[in-house]
């Protein structure tokens, strides 16, 4: 069997997911602590259609969370809305007009969301 110097461990049955940066388990990742969360702490929820072929998306910006927590919150919001979506560049996008549901879900989790836009 040929060894590849570019290969790295991404999952271990002993410790679960591995961080691609430092090679440690995600729960004890050293680079996660060094990552500075994006956002100003003011959670803004808006509805956008520009540049999406007329499709509406609900956008959540300003969350001061790290990437893993942001992805988890995005998953929870998508589940609460029963819709698809994505998390990219510190912004959560949920397909459809779900501003009221998202604001209620964020309020239950201790955030103070503000409605912006139309």
PDB file of N, CA and C in Angstrom:
ATOM      1  N   UNK A   1       0.844  -1.177   0.000  1.00  0.00           N
ATOM      2  CA  UNK A   1       0.000   0.000   0.000  1.00  0.00           C
ATOM      3  C   UNK A   1       0.887   1.237   0.000  1.00  0.00           C
ATOM      4  N   UNK A   2       0.591   2.165  -0.883  1.00  0.00           N
ATOM      5  CA  UNK A   2       1.398   3.356  -1.034  1.00  0.00           C
ATOM      6  C   UNK A   2       0.918   4.435  -0.071  1.00  0.00           C
ATOM      7  N   UNK A   3       1.834   5.078   0.621  1.00  0.00           N
ATOM      8  CA  UNK A   3       1.490   6.140   1.566  1.00  0.00           C
ATOM      9  C   UNK A   3       1.447   7.474   0.838  1.00  0.00           C
ATOM     10  N   UNK A   4       0.424   8.252   1.083  1.00  0.00           N
ATOM     11  CA  UNK A   4       0.264   9.558   0.467  1.00  0.00           C
ATOM     12  C   UNK A   4       0.561  10.626   1.516  1.00  0.00           C
ATOM     13  N   UNK A   5       1.525  11.477   1.250  1.00  0.00           N
ATOM     14  CA  UNK A   5       1.904  12.496   2.223  1.00  0.00           C
ATOM     15  C   UNK A   5       0.844  13.590   2.356  1.00  0.00           C
ATOM     16  N   UNK A   6      -0.071  13.701   1.391  1.00  0.00           N
ATOM     17  CA  UNK A   6      -1.121  14.714   1.454  1.00  0.00           C
ATOM     18  C   UNK A   6      -2.357  14.229   2.198  1.00  0.00           C
ATOM     19  N   UNK A   7      -2.391  12.966   2.592  1.00  0.00           N
ATOM     20  CA  UNK A   7      -3.574  12.447   3.271  1.00  0.00           C
ATOM     21  C   UNK A   7      -3.573  12.903   4.729  1.00  0.00           C
ATOM     22  N   UNK A   8      -4.747  13.122   5.246  1.00  0.00           N
ATOM     23  CA  UNK A   8      -4.882  13.494   6.649  1.00  0.00           C
ATOM     24  C   UNK A   8      -6.142  12.868   7.206  1.00  0.00           C
ATOM     25  N   UNK A   9      -6.151  12.655   8.483  1.00  0.00           N
ATOM     26  CA  UNK A   9      -7.256  12.013   9.167  1.00  0.00           C
ATOM     27  C   UNK A   9      -8.403  12.995   9.316  1.00  0.00           C
ATOM     28  N   UNK A  10      -9.618  12.625   8.863  1.00  0.00           N
ATOM     29  CA  UNK A  10     -10.781  13.504   8.987  1.00  0.00           C
ATOM     30  C   UNK A  10     -11.801  12.967   9.981  1.00  0.00           C
ATOM     31  N   UNK A  11     -11.725  11.669  10.293  1.00  0.00           N
ATOM     32  CA  UNK A  11     -12.661  11.092  11.250  1.00  0.00           C
ATOM     33  C   UNK A  11     -11.981   9.920  11.931  1.00  0.00           C
ATOM     34  N   UNK A  12     -12.220   9.812  13.213  1.00  0.00           N
ATOM     35  CA  UNK A  12     -11.685   8.701  13.978  1.00  0.00           C
ATOM     36  C   UNK A  12     -12.822   8.091  14.787  1.00  0.00           C
ATOM     37  N   UNK A  13     -12.920   6.760  14.790  1.00  0.00           N
ATOM     38  CA  UNK A  13     -13.982   6.125  15.566  1.00  0.00           C
ATOM     39  C   UNK A  13     -13.765   6.337  17.054  1.00  0.00           C
ATOM     40  N   UNK A  14     -12.554   6.636  17.447  1.00  0.00           N
ATOM     41  CA  UNK A  14     -12.248   6.862  18.855  1.00  0.00           C
ATOM     42  C   UNK A  14     -12.678   8.251  19.329  1.00  0.00           C
ATOM     43  N   UNK A  15     -12.412   9.279  18.504  1.00  0.00           N
ATOM     44  CA  UNK A  15     -12.677  10.644  18.961  1.00  0.00           C
ATOM     45  C   UNK A  15     -13.620  11.435  18.057  1.00  0.00           C
ATOM     46  N   UNK A  16     -14.115  10.871  16.980  1.00  0.00           N
ATOM     47  CA  UNK A  16     -15.071  11.561  16.114  1.00  0.00           C
ATOM     48  C   UNK A  16     -14.393  12.423  15.070  1.00  0.00           C
ATOM     49  N   UNK A  17     -15.038  13.538  14.706  1.00  0.00           N
ATOM     50  CA  UNK A  17     -14.520  14.420  13.658  1.00  0.00           C
ATOM     51  C   UNK A  17     -13.212  15.061  14.079  1.00  0.00           C
ATOM     52  N   UNK A  18     -12.328  15.230  13.091  1.00  0.00           N
ATOM     53  CA  UNK A  18     -11.015  15.823  13.323  1.00  0.00           C
ATOM     54  C   UNK A  18     -10.947  17.179  12.622  1.00  0.00           C
ATOM     55  N   UNK A  19     -10.288  18.136  13.236  1.00  0.00           N
ATOM     56  CA  UNK A  19     -10.110  19.467  12.668  1.00  0.00           C
ATOM     57  C   UNK A  19      -9.114  19.384  11.505  1.00  0.00           C
ATOM     58  N   UNK A  20      -9.461  19.932  10.339  1.00  0.00           N
ATOM     59  CA  UNK A  20      -8.537  19.873   9.205  1.00  0.00           C
ATOM     60  C   UNK A  20      -7.312  20.758   9.388  1.00  0.00           C
ATOM     61  N   UNK A  21      -7.380  21.758  10.244  1.00  0.00           N
ATOM     62  CA  UNK A  21      -6.268  22.682  10.446  1.00  0.00           C
ATOM     63  C   UNK A  21      -5.205  22.117  11.386  1.00  0.00           C
ATOM     64  N   UNK A  22      -5.634  21.741  12.607  1.00  0.00           N
ATOM     65  CA  UNK A  22      -4.648  21.331  13.615  1.00  0.00           C
ATOM     66  C   UNK A  22      -4.554  19.812  13.784  1.00  0.00           C
ATOM     67  N   UNK A  23      -5.503  19.053  13.224  1.00  0.00           N
ATOM     68  CA  UNK A  23      -5.459  17.595  13.306  1.00  0.00           C
ATOM     69  C   UNK A  23      -5.942  17.027  14.627  1.00  0.00           C
ATOM     70  N   UNK A  24      -6.463  17.868  15.510  1.00  0.00           N
ATOM     71  CA  UNK A  24      -6.988  17.432  16.802  1.00  0.00           C
ATOM     72  C   UNK A  24      -8.487  17.149  16.679  1.00  0.00           C
ATOM     73  N   UNK A  25      -9.072  16.407  17.637  1.00  0.00           N
ATOM     74  CA  UNK A  25     -10.530  16.237  17.621  1.00  0.00           C
ATOM     75  C   UNK A  25     -11.222  17.597  17.689  1.00  0.00           C
ATOM     76  N   UNK A  26     -12.353  17.740  17.001  1.00  0.00           N
ATOM     77  CA  UNK A  26     -13.058  19.016  16.939  1.00  0.00           C
ATOM     78  C   UNK A  26     -13.427  19.507  18.338  1.00  0.00           C
ATOM     79  N   UNK A  27     -13.748  18.609  19.258  1.00  0.00           N
ATOM     80  CA  UNK A  27     -14.116  19.025  20.610  1.00  0.00           C
ATOM     81  C   UNK A  27     -12.947  19.663  21.349  1.00  0.00           C
ATOM     82  N   UNK A  28     -11.720  19.305  21.010  1.00  0.00           N
ATOM     83  CA  UNK A  28     -10.552  19.869  21.674  1.00  0.00           C
ATOM     84  C   UNK A  28      -9.660  20.631  20.713  1.00  0.00           C
ATOM     85  N   UNK A  29     -10.243  21.206  19.691  1.00  0.00           N
ATOM     86  CA  UNK A  29      -9.493  21.882  18.636  1.00  0.00           C
ATOM     87  C   UNK A  29      -8.793  23.129  19.173  1.00  0.00           C
ATOM     88  N   UNK A  30      -7.515  23.259  18.855  1.00  0.00           N
ATOM     89  CA  UNK A  30      -6.736  24.412  19.305  1.00  0.00           C
ATOM     90  C   UNK A  30      -6.990  25.633  18.434  1.00  0.00           C
ATOM     91  N   UNK A  31      -7.237  25.457  17.150  1.00  0.00           N
ATOM     92  CA  UNK A  31      -7.428  26.601  16.263  1.00  0.00           C
ATOM     93  C   UNK A  31      -8.841  27.178  16.379  1.00  0.00           C
ATOM     94  N   UNK A  32      -9.794  26.406  16.905  1.00  0.00           N
ATOM     95  CA  UNK A  32     -11.160  26.900  17.074  1.00  0.00           C
ATOM     96  C   UNK A  32     -11.191  28.043  18.085  1.00  0.00           C
ATOM     97  N   UNK A  33     -10.381  27.941  19.132  1.00  0.00           N
ATOM     98  CA  UNK A  33     -10.337  28.982  20.150  1.00  0.00           C
ATOM     99  C   UNK A  33      -9.721  30.260  19.605  1.00  0.00           C
ATOM    100  N   UNK A  34      -8.829  30.121  18.627  1.00  0.00           N
ATOM    101  CA  UNK A  34      -8.159  31.282  18.056  1.00  0.00           C
ATOM    102  C   UNK A  34      -9.032  32.001  17.028  1.00  0.00           C
ATOM    103  N   UNK A  35     -10.051  31.327  16.512  1.00  0.00           N
ATOM    104  CA  UNK A  35     -10.911  31.930  15.500  1.00  0.00           C
ATOM    105  C   UNK A  35     -11.778  33.021  16.127  1.00  0.00           C
ATOM    106  N   UNK A  36     -11.779  34.187  15.520  1.00  0.00           N
ATOM    107  CA  UNK A  36     -12.569  35.308  16.011  1.00  0.00           C
ATOM    108  C   UNK A  36     -13.910  35.290  15.304  1.00  0.00           C
ATOM    109  N   UNK A  37     -15.015  35.242  16.057  1.00  0.00           N
ATOM    110  CA  UNK A  37     -16.319  35.224  15.415  1.00  0.00           C
ATOM    111  C   UNK A  37     -16.611  36.536  14.690  1.00  0.00           C
ATOM    112  N   UNK A  38     -17.296  36.412  13.540  1.00  0.00           N
ATOM    113  CA  UNK A  38     -17.707  37.591  12.796  1.00  0.00           C
ATOM    114  C   UNK A  38     -19.022  38.081  13.380  1.00  0.00           C
ATOM    115  N   UNK A  39     -19.326  39.332  13.161  1.00  0.00           N
ATOM    116  CA  UNK A  39     -20.599  39.876  13.606  1.00  0.00           C
ATOM    117  C   UNK A  39     -20.394  40.935  14.654  1.00  0.00           C
ATOM    118  N   UNK A  40     -21.355  41.827  14.748  1.00  0.00           N
ATOM    119  CA  UNK A  40     -21.256  42.929  15.698  1.00  0.00           C
ATOM    120  C   UNK A  40     -22.142  42.728  16.921  1.00  0.00           C
ATOM    121  N   UNK A  41     -22.818  41.580  17.000  1.00  0.00           N
ATOM    122  CA  UNK A  41     -23.655  41.302  18.158  1.00  0.00           C
ATOM    123  C   UNK A  41     -25.105  41.711  17.974  1.00  0.00           C
ATOM    124  N   UNK A  42     -25.397  42.553  16.955  1.00  0.00           N
ATOM    125  CA  UNK A  42     -26.772  42.938  16.668  1.00  0.00           C
ATOM    126  C   UNK A  42     -27.281  41.988  15.596  1.00  0.00           C
ATOM    127  N   UNK A  43     -28.235  41.143  15.954  1.00  0.00           N
ATOM    128  CA  UNK A  43     -28.751  40.135  15.038  1.00  0.00           C
ATOM    129  C   UNK A  43     -29.811  40.780  14.158  1.00  0.00           C
ATOM    130  N   UNK A  44     -29.560  40.749  12.842  1.00  0.00           N
ATOM    131  CA  UNK A  44     -30.482  41.364  11.888  1.00  0.00           C
ATOM    132  C   UNK A  44     -31.118  40.289  11.016  1.00  0.00           C
ATOM    133  N   UNK A  45     -32.439  40.320  10.919  1.00  0.00           N
ATOM    134  CA  UNK A  45     -33.187  39.369  10.097  1.00  0.00           C
ATOM    135  C   UNK A  45     -33.868  40.156   8.986  1.00  0.00           C
ATOM    136  N   UNK A  46     -33.622  39.752   7.743  1.00  0.00           N
ATOM    137  CA  UNK A  46     -34.231  40.455   6.619  1.00  0.00           C
ATOM    138  C   UNK A  46     -34.673  39.464   5.551  1.00  0.00           C
ATOM    139  N   UNK A  47     -35.481  39.971   4.621  1.00  0.00           N
ATOM    140  CA  UNK A  47     -35.987  39.172   3.511  1.00  0.00           C
ATOM    141  C   UNK A  47     -35.447  39.779   2.231  1.00  0.00           C
ATOM    142  N   UNK A  48     -34.794  38.942   1.407  1.00  0.00           N
ATOM    143  CA  UNK A  48     -34.184  39.420   0.176  1.00  0.00           C
ATOM    144  C   UNK A  48     -34.655  38.603  -1.017  1.00  0.00           C
ATOM    145  N   UNK A  49     -34.708  39.269  -2.189  1.00  0.00           N
ATOM    146  CA  UNK A  49     -35.006  38.570  -3.434  1.00  0.00           C
ATOM    147  C   UNK A  49     -33.996  38.918  -4.512  1.00  0.00           C
ATOM    148  N   UNK A  50     -33.201  39.952  -4.300  1.00  0.00           N
ATOM    149  CA  UNK A  50     -32.247  40.424  -5.318  1.00  0.00           C
ATOM    150  C   UNK A  50     -31.219  39.368  -5.668  1.00  0.00           C
ATOM    151  N   UNK A  51     -30.985  39.182  -6.959  1.00  0.00           N
ATOM    152  CA  UNK A  51     -29.948  38.287  -7.430  1.00  0.00           C
ATOM    153  C   UNK A  51     -30.256  36.817  -7.260  1.00  0.00           C
ATOM    154  N   UNK A  52     -31.509  36.473  -7.015  1.00  0.00           N
ATOM    155  CA  UNK A  52     -31.883  35.072  -6.790  1.00  0.00           C
ATOM    156  C   UNK A  52     -32.998  34.624  -7.728  1.00  0.00           C
ATOM    157  N   UNK A  53     -33.144  35.304  -8.835  1.00  0.00           N
ATOM    158  CA  UNK A  53     -34.146  34.916  -9.818  1.00  0.00           C
ATOM    159  C   UNK A  53     -35.569  35.050  -9.301  1.00  0.00           C
ATOM    160  N   UNK A  54     -35.813  36.012  -8.433  1.00  0.00           N
ATOM    161  CA  UNK A  54     -37.149  36.222  -7.888  1.00  0.00           C
ATOM    162  C   UNK A  54     -37.476  35.368  -6.689  1.00  0.00           C
ATOM    163  N   UNK A  55     -36.587  34.471  -6.308  1.00  0.00           N
ATOM    164  CA  UNK A  55     -36.816  33.609  -5.141  1.00  0.00           C
ATOM    165  C   UNK A  55     -36.537  34.410  -3.874  1.00  0.00           C
ATOM    166  N   UNK A  56     -37.337  34.190  -2.853  1.00  0.00           N
ATOM    167  CA  UNK A  56     -37.192  34.895  -1.585  1.00  0.00           C
ATOM    168  C   UNK A  56     -36.353  34.076  -0.622  1.00  0.00           C
ATOM    169  N   UNK A  57     -35.444  34.741   0.095  1.00  0.00           N
ATOM    170  CA  UNK A  57     -34.685  34.089   1.155  1.00  0.00           C
ATOM    171  C   UNK A  57     -34.730  34.970   2.393  1.00  0.00           C
ATOM    172  N   UNK A  58     -34.689  34.337   3.546  1.00  0.00           N
ATOM    173  CA  UNK A  58     -34.589  35.032   4.818  1.00  0.00           C
ATOM    174  C   UNK A  58     -33.120  35.000   5.217  1.00  0.00           C
ATOM    175  N   UNK A  59     -32.566  36.176   5.519  1.00  0.00           N
ATOM    176  CA  UNK A  59     -31.142  36.307   5.812  1.00  0.00           C
ATOM    177  C   UNK A  59     -30.958  36.736   7.263  1.00  0.00           C
ATOM    178  N   UNK A  60     -30.059  36.045   7.977  1.00  0.00           N
ATOM    179  CA  UNK A  60     -29.730  36.377   9.362  1.00  0.00           C
ATOM    180  C   UNK A  60     -28.267  36.781   9.393  1.00  0.00           C
ATOM    181  N   UNK A  61     -27.997  38.028   9.819  1.00  0.00           N
ATOM    182  CA  UNK A  61     -26.631  38.560   9.870  1.00  0.00           C
ATOM    183  C   UNK A  61     -26.330  39.063  11.278  1.00  0.00           C
ATOM    184  N   UNK A  62     -25.040  39.214  11.562  1.00  0.00           N
ATOM    185  CA  UNK A  62     -24.614  39.859  12.799  1.00  0.00           C
ATOM    186  C   UNK A  62     -24.476  38.948  13.994  1.00  0.00           C
ATOM    187  N   UNK A  63     -24.571  37.644  13.803  1.00  0.00           N
ATOM    188  CA  UNK A  63     -24.410  36.720  14.922  1.00  0.00           C
ATOM    189  C   UNK A  63     -22.932  36.593  15.275  1.00  0.00           C
ATOM    190  N   UNK A  64     -22.590  36.840  16.513  1.00  0.00           N
ATOM    191  CA  UNK A  64     -21.202  36.740  16.969  1.00  0.00           C
ATOM    192  C   UNK A  64     -20.939  35.317  17.455  1.00  0.00           C
ATOM    193  N   UNK A  65     -20.935  34.368  16.511  1.00  0.00           N
ATOM    194  CA  UNK A  65     -20.715  32.955  16.814  1.00  0.00           C
ATOM    195  C   UNK A  65     -19.588  32.421  15.954  1.00  0.00           C
ATOM    196  N   UNK A  66     -18.914  31.382  16.443  1.00  0.00           N
ATOM    197  CA  UNK A  66     -17.885  30.752  15.619  1.00  0.00           C
ATOM    198  C   UNK A  66     -18.558  29.907  14.535  1.00  0.00           C
ATOM    199  N   UNK A  67     -17.775  29.393  13.620  1.00  0.00           N
ATOM    200  CA  UNK A  67     -18.314  28.697  12.445  1.00  0.00           C
ATOM    201  C   UNK A  67     -19.144  27.469  12.823  1.00  0.00           C
ATOM    202  N   UNK A  68     -18.686  26.698  13.808  1.00  0.00           N
ATOM    203  CA  UNK A  68     -19.417  25.488  14.202  1.00  0.00           C
ATOM    204  C   UNK A  68     -20.758  25.840  14.841  1.00  0.00           C
ATOM    205  N   UNK A  69     -20.780  26.839  15.713  1.00  0.00           N
ATOM    206  CA  UNK A  69     -22.024  27.248  16.362  1.00  0.00           C
ATOM    207  C   UNK A  69     -22.980  27.866  15.354  1.00  0.00           C
ATOM    208  N   UNK A  70     -22.437  28.599  14.380  1.00  0.00           N
ATOM    209  CA  UNK A  70     -23.264  29.206  13.349  1.00  0.00           C
ATOM    210  C   UNK A  70     -23.913  28.137  12.471  1.00  0.00           C
ATOM    211  N   UNK A  71     -23.145  27.101  12.123  1.00  0.00           N
ATOM    212  CA  UNK A  71     -23.685  26.001  11.330  1.00  0.00           C
ATOM    213  C   UNK A  71     -24.783  25.257  12.094  1.00  0.00           C
ATOM    214  N   UNK A  72     -24.579  25.061  13.393  1.00  0.00           N
ATOM    215  CA  UNK A  72     -25.586  24.386  14.210  1.00  0.00           C
ATOM    216  C   UNK A  72     -26.859  25.227  14.304  1.00  0.00           C
ATOM    217  N   UNK A  73     -26.708  26.531  14.507  1.00  0.00           N
ATOM    218  CA  UNK A  73     -27.872  27.413  14.566  1.00  0.00           C
ATOM    219  C   UNK A  73     -28.597  27.439  13.225  1.00  0.00           C
ATOM    220  N   UNK A  74     -27.839  27.448  12.130  1.00  0.00           N
ATOM    221  CA  UNK A  74     -28.456  27.400  10.805  1.00  0.00           C
ATOM    222  C   UNK A  74     -29.285  26.155  10.621  1.00  0.00           C
ATOM    223  N   UNK A  75     -28.768  25.023  11.067  1.00  0.00           N
ATOM    224  CA  UNK A  75     -29.496  23.749  10.990  1.00  0.00           C
ATOM    225  C   UNK A  75     -30.784  23.814  11.809  1.00  0.00           C
ATOM    226  N   UNK A  76     -30.695  24.380  13.014  1.00  0.00           N
ATOM    227  CA  UNK A  76     -31.876  24.484  13.870  1.00  0.00           C
ATOM    228  C   UNK A  76     -32.932  25.397  13.249  1.00  0.00           C
ATOM    229  N   UNK A  77     -32.512  26.503  12.652  1.00  0.00           N
ATOM    230  CA  UNK A  77     -33.462  27.424  12.022  1.00  0.00           C
ATOM    231  C   UNK A  77     -34.103  26.810  10.785  1.00  0.00           C
ATOM    232  N   UNK A  78     -33.311  26.096   9.984  1.00  0.00           N
ATOM    233  CA  UNK A  78     -33.872  25.425   8.810  1.00  0.00           C
ATOM    234  C   UNK A  78     -34.908  24.387   9.230  1.00  0.00           C
ATOM    235  N   UNK A  79     -34.619  23.648  10.292  1.00  0.00           N
ATOM    236  CA  UNK A  79     -35.555  22.642  10.792  1.00  0.00           C
ATOM    237  C   UNK A  79     -36.829  23.303  11.311  1.00  0.00           C
ATOM    238  N   UNK A  80     -36.688  24.407  12.041  1.00  0.00           N
ATOM    239  CA  UNK A  80     -37.853  25.111  12.580  1.00  0.00           C
ATOM    240  C   UNK A  80     -38.743  25.657  11.468  1.00  0.00           C
ATOM    241  N   UNK A  81     -38.133  26.072  10.357  1.00  0.00           N
ATOM    242  CA  UNK A  81     -38.896  26.627   9.241  1.00  0.00           C
ATOM    243  C   UNK A  81     -39.362  25.549   8.269  1.00  0.00           C
ATOM    244  N   UNK A  82     -38.788  24.358   8.364  1.00  0.00           N
ATOM    245  CA  UNK A  82     -39.142  23.296   7.425  1.00  0.00           C
ATOM    246  C   UNK A  82     -38.692  23.638   6.021  1.00  0.00           C
ATOM    247  N   UNK A  83     -37.508  24.214   5.914  1.00  0.00           N
ATOM    248  CA  UNK A  83     -37.029  24.705   4.634  1.00  0.00           C
ATOM    249  C   UNK A  83     -35.542  24.432   4.494  1.00  0.00           C
ATOM    250  N   UNK A  84     -35.021  24.650   3.303  1.00  0.00           N
ATOM    251  CA  UNK A  84     -33.593  24.502   3.061  1.00  0.00           C
ATOM    252  C   UNK A  84     -32.877  25.809   3.293  1.00  0.00           C
ATOM    253  N   UNK A  85     -31.585  25.779   3.147  1.00  0.00           N
ATOM    254  CA  UNK A  85     -30.806  27.000   3.314  1.00  0.00           C
ATOM    255  C   UNK A  85     -29.332  26.684   3.408  1.00  0.00           C
ATOM    256  N   UNK A  86     -28.554  27.708   3.740  1.00  0.00           N
ATOM    257  CA  UNK A  86     -27.108  27.557   3.833  1.00  0.00           C
ATOM    258  C   UNK A  86     -26.531  28.544   4.831  1.00  0.00           C
ATOM    259  N   UNK A  87     -25.286  28.280   5.211  1.00  0.00           N
ATOM    260  CA  UNK A  87     -24.529  29.202   6.047  1.00  0.00           C
ATOM    261  C   UNK A  87     -23.238  29.493   5.303  1.00  0.00           C
ATOM    262  N   UNK A  88     -22.992  30.769   4.983  1.00  0.00           N
ATOM    263  CA  UNK A  88     -21.746  31.124   4.315  1.00  0.00           C
ATOM    264  C   UNK A  88     -21.347  32.549   4.679  1.00  0.00           C
ATOM    265  N   UNK A  89     -20.063  32.731   4.886  1.00  0.00           N
ATOM    266  CA  UNK A  89     -19.489  34.041   5.218  1.00  0.00           C
ATOM    267  C   UNK A  89     -20.146  34.682   6.439  1.00  0.00           C
ATOM    268  N   UNK A  90     -20.485  33.896   7.442  1.00  0.00           N
ATOM    269  CA  UNK A  90     -21.068  34.427   8.668  1.00  0.00           C
ATOM    270  C   UNK A  90     -22.527  34.821   8.543  1.00  0.00           C
ATOM    271  N   UNK A  91     -23.183  34.414   7.451  1.00  0.00           N
ATOM    272  CA  UNK A  91     -24.585  34.765   7.195  1.00  0.00           C
ATOM    273  C   UNK A  91     -25.389  33.478   7.026  1.00  0.00           C
ATOM    274  N   UNK A  92     -26.547  33.419   7.670  1.00  0.00           N
ATOM    275  CA  UNK A  92     -27.453  32.278   7.519  1.00  0.00           C
ATOM    276  C   UNK A  92     -28.526  32.673   6.505  1.00  0.00           C
ATOM    277  N   UNK A  93     -28.695  31.863   5.468  1.00  0.00           N
ATOM    278  CA  UNK A  93     -29.740  32.088   4.473  1.00  0.00           C
ATOM    279  C   UNK A  93     -30.716  30.926   4.536  1.00  0.00           C
ATOM    280  N   UNK A  94     -32.001  31.252   4.650  1.00  0.00           N
ATOM    281  CA  UNK A  94     -33.050  30.231   4.696  1.00  0.00           C
ATOM    282  C   UNK A  94     -34.002  30.487   3.538  1.00  0.00           C
ATOM    283  N   UNK A  95     -34.286  29.453   2.767  1.00  0.00           N
ATOM    284  CA  UNK A  95     -35.137  29.600   1.598  1.00  0.00           C
ATOM    285  C   UNK A  95     -36.562  29.919   2.016  1.00  0.00           C
ATOM    286  N   UNK A  96     -37.133  30.951   1.405  1.00  0.00           N
ATOM    287  CA  UNK A  96     -38.509  31.338   1.672  1.00  0.00           C
ATOM    288  C   UNK A  96     -38.598  32.518   2.623  1.00  0.00           C
ATOM    289  N   UNK A  97     -39.811  33.026   2.786  1.00  0.00           N
ATOM    290  CA  UNK A  97     -40.067  34.164   3.676  1.00  0.00           C
ATOM    291  C   UNK A  97     -40.468  33.627   5.049  1.00  0.00           C
ATOM    292  N   UNK A  98     -39.492  33.506   5.941  1.00  0.00           N
ATOM    293  CA  UNK A  98     -39.724  32.951   7.269  1.00  0.00           C
ATOM    294  C   UNK A  98     -39.245  33.904   8.355  1.00  0.00           C
ATOM    295  N   UNK A  99     -39.332  35.207   8.127  1.00  0.00           N
ATOM    296  CA  UNK A  99     -38.782  36.178   9.074  1.00  0.00           C
ATOM    297  C   UNK A  99     -39.400  36.043  10.464  1.00  0.00           C
ATOM    298  N   UNK A 100     -40.709  35.885  10.532  1.00  0.00           N
ATOM    299  CA  UNK A 100     -41.373  35.794  11.836  1.00  0.00           C
ATOM    300  C   UNK A 100     -40.963  34.528  12.591  1.00  0.00           C
ATOM    301  N   UNK A 101     -40.908  33.403  11.888  1.00  0.00           N
ATOM    302  CA  UNK A 101     -40.480  32.151  12.521  1.00  0.00           C
ATOM    303  C   UNK A 101     -39.034  32.228  12.998  1.00  0.00           C
ATOM    304  N   UNK A 102     -38.171  32.812  12.179  1.00  0.00           N
ATOM    305  CA  UNK A 102     -36.753  32.929  12.534  1.00  0.00           C
ATOM    306  C   UNK A 102     -36.584  33.844  13.737  1.00  0.00           C
ATOM    307  N   UNK A 103     -37.290  34.963  13.756  1.00  0.00           N
ATOM    308  CA  UNK A 103     -37.183  35.885  14.885  1.00  0.00           C
ATOM    309  C   UNK A 103     -37.676  35.240  16.175  1.00  0.00           C
ATOM    310  N   UNK A 104     -38.749  34.462  16.085  1.00  0.00           N
ATOM    311  CA  UNK A 104     -39.263  33.769  17.270  1.00  0.00           C
ATOM    312  C   UNK A 104     -38.258  32.722  17.761  1.00  0.00           C
ATOM    313  N   UNK A 105     -37.677  31.964  16.835  1.00  0.00           N
ATOM    314  CA  UNK A 105     -36.709  30.934  17.213  1.00  0.00           C
ATOM    315  C   UNK A 105     -35.452  31.556  17.822  1.00  0.00           C
ATOM    316  N   UNK A 106     -34.979  32.657  17.254  1.00  0.00           N
ATOM    317  CA  UNK A 106     -33.799  33.338  17.801  1.00  0.00           C
ATOM    318  C   UNK A 106     -34.094  33.924  19.183  1.00  0.00           C
ATOM    319  N   UNK A 107     -35.306  34.442  19.364  1.00  0.00           N
ATOM    320  CA  UNK A 107     -35.702  34.985  20.667  1.00  0.00           C
ATOM    321  C   UNK A 107     -35.723  33.914  21.749  1.00  0.00           C
ATOM    322  N   UNK A 108     -36.174  32.703  21.397  1.00  0.00           N
ATOM    323  CA  UNK A 108     -36.200  31.598  22.361  1.00  0.00           C
ATOM    324  C   UNK A 108     -34.801  31.175  22.774  1.00  0.00           C
ATOM    325  N   UNK A 109     -33.816  31.393  21.886  1.00  0.00           N
ATOM    326  CA  UNK A 109     -32.441  30.989  22.173  1.00  0.00           C
ATOM    327  C   UNK A 109     -31.635  32.086  22.849  1.00  0.00           C
ATOM    328  N   UNK A 110     -32.291  33.188  23.206  1.00  0.00           N
ATOM    329  CA  UNK A 110     -31.620  34.238  23.963  1.00  0.00           C
ATOM    330  C   UNK A 110     -31.037  35.368  23.144  1.00  0.00           C
ATOM    331  N   UNK A 111     -31.234  35.352  21.827  1.00  0.00           N
ATOM    332  CA  UNK A 111     -30.746  36.451  20.987  1.00  0.00           C
ATOM    333  C   UNK A 111     -31.826  37.546  20.952  1.00  0.00           C
ATOM    334  N   UNK A 112     -31.423  38.749  20.592  1.00  0.00           N
ATOM    335  CA  UNK A 112     -32.369  39.851  20.464  1.00  0.00           C
ATOM    336  C   UNK A 112     -32.399  40.304  19.000  1.00  0.00           C
ATOM    337  N   UNK A 113     -33.173  39.586  18.138  1.00  0.00           N
ATOM    338  CA  UNK A 113     -33.154  39.904  16.706  1.00  0.00           C
ATOM    339  C   UNK A 113     -33.906  41.191  16.378  1.00  0.00           C
ATOM    340  N   UNK A 114     -33.411  41.872  15.369  1.00  0.00           N
ATOM    341  CA  UNK A 114     -34.048  43.090  14.856  1.00  0.00           C
ATOM    342  C   UNK A 114     -34.438  42.824  13.410  1.00  0.00           C
ATOM    343  N   UNK A 115     -35.618  43.282  13.020  1.00  0.00           N
ATOM    344  CA  UNK A 115     -36.097  43.131  11.640  1.00  0.00           C
ATOM    345  C   UNK A 115     -35.574  44.287  10.817  1.00  0.00           C
ATOM    346  N   UNK A 116     -34.917  44.002   9.708  1.00  0.00           N
ATOM    347  CA  UNK A 116     -34.415  45.054   8.833  1.00  0.00           C
ATOM    348  C   UNK A 116     -34.973  44.849   7.428  1.00  0.00           C
ATOM    349  N   UNK A 117     -34.930  45.871   6.633  1.00  0.00           N
ATOM    350  CA  UNK A 117     -35.421  45.786   5.263  1.00  0.00           C
ATOM    351  C   UNK A 117     -36.933  45.838   5.206  1.00  0.00           C
ATOM    352  N   UNK A 118     -37.473  45.377   4.073  1.00  0.00           N
ATOM    353  CA  UNK A 118     -38.909  45.482   3.812  1.00  0.00           C
ATOM    354  C   UNK A 118     -39.722  44.445   4.338  1.00  0.00           C
TER     355      UNK A 118
END
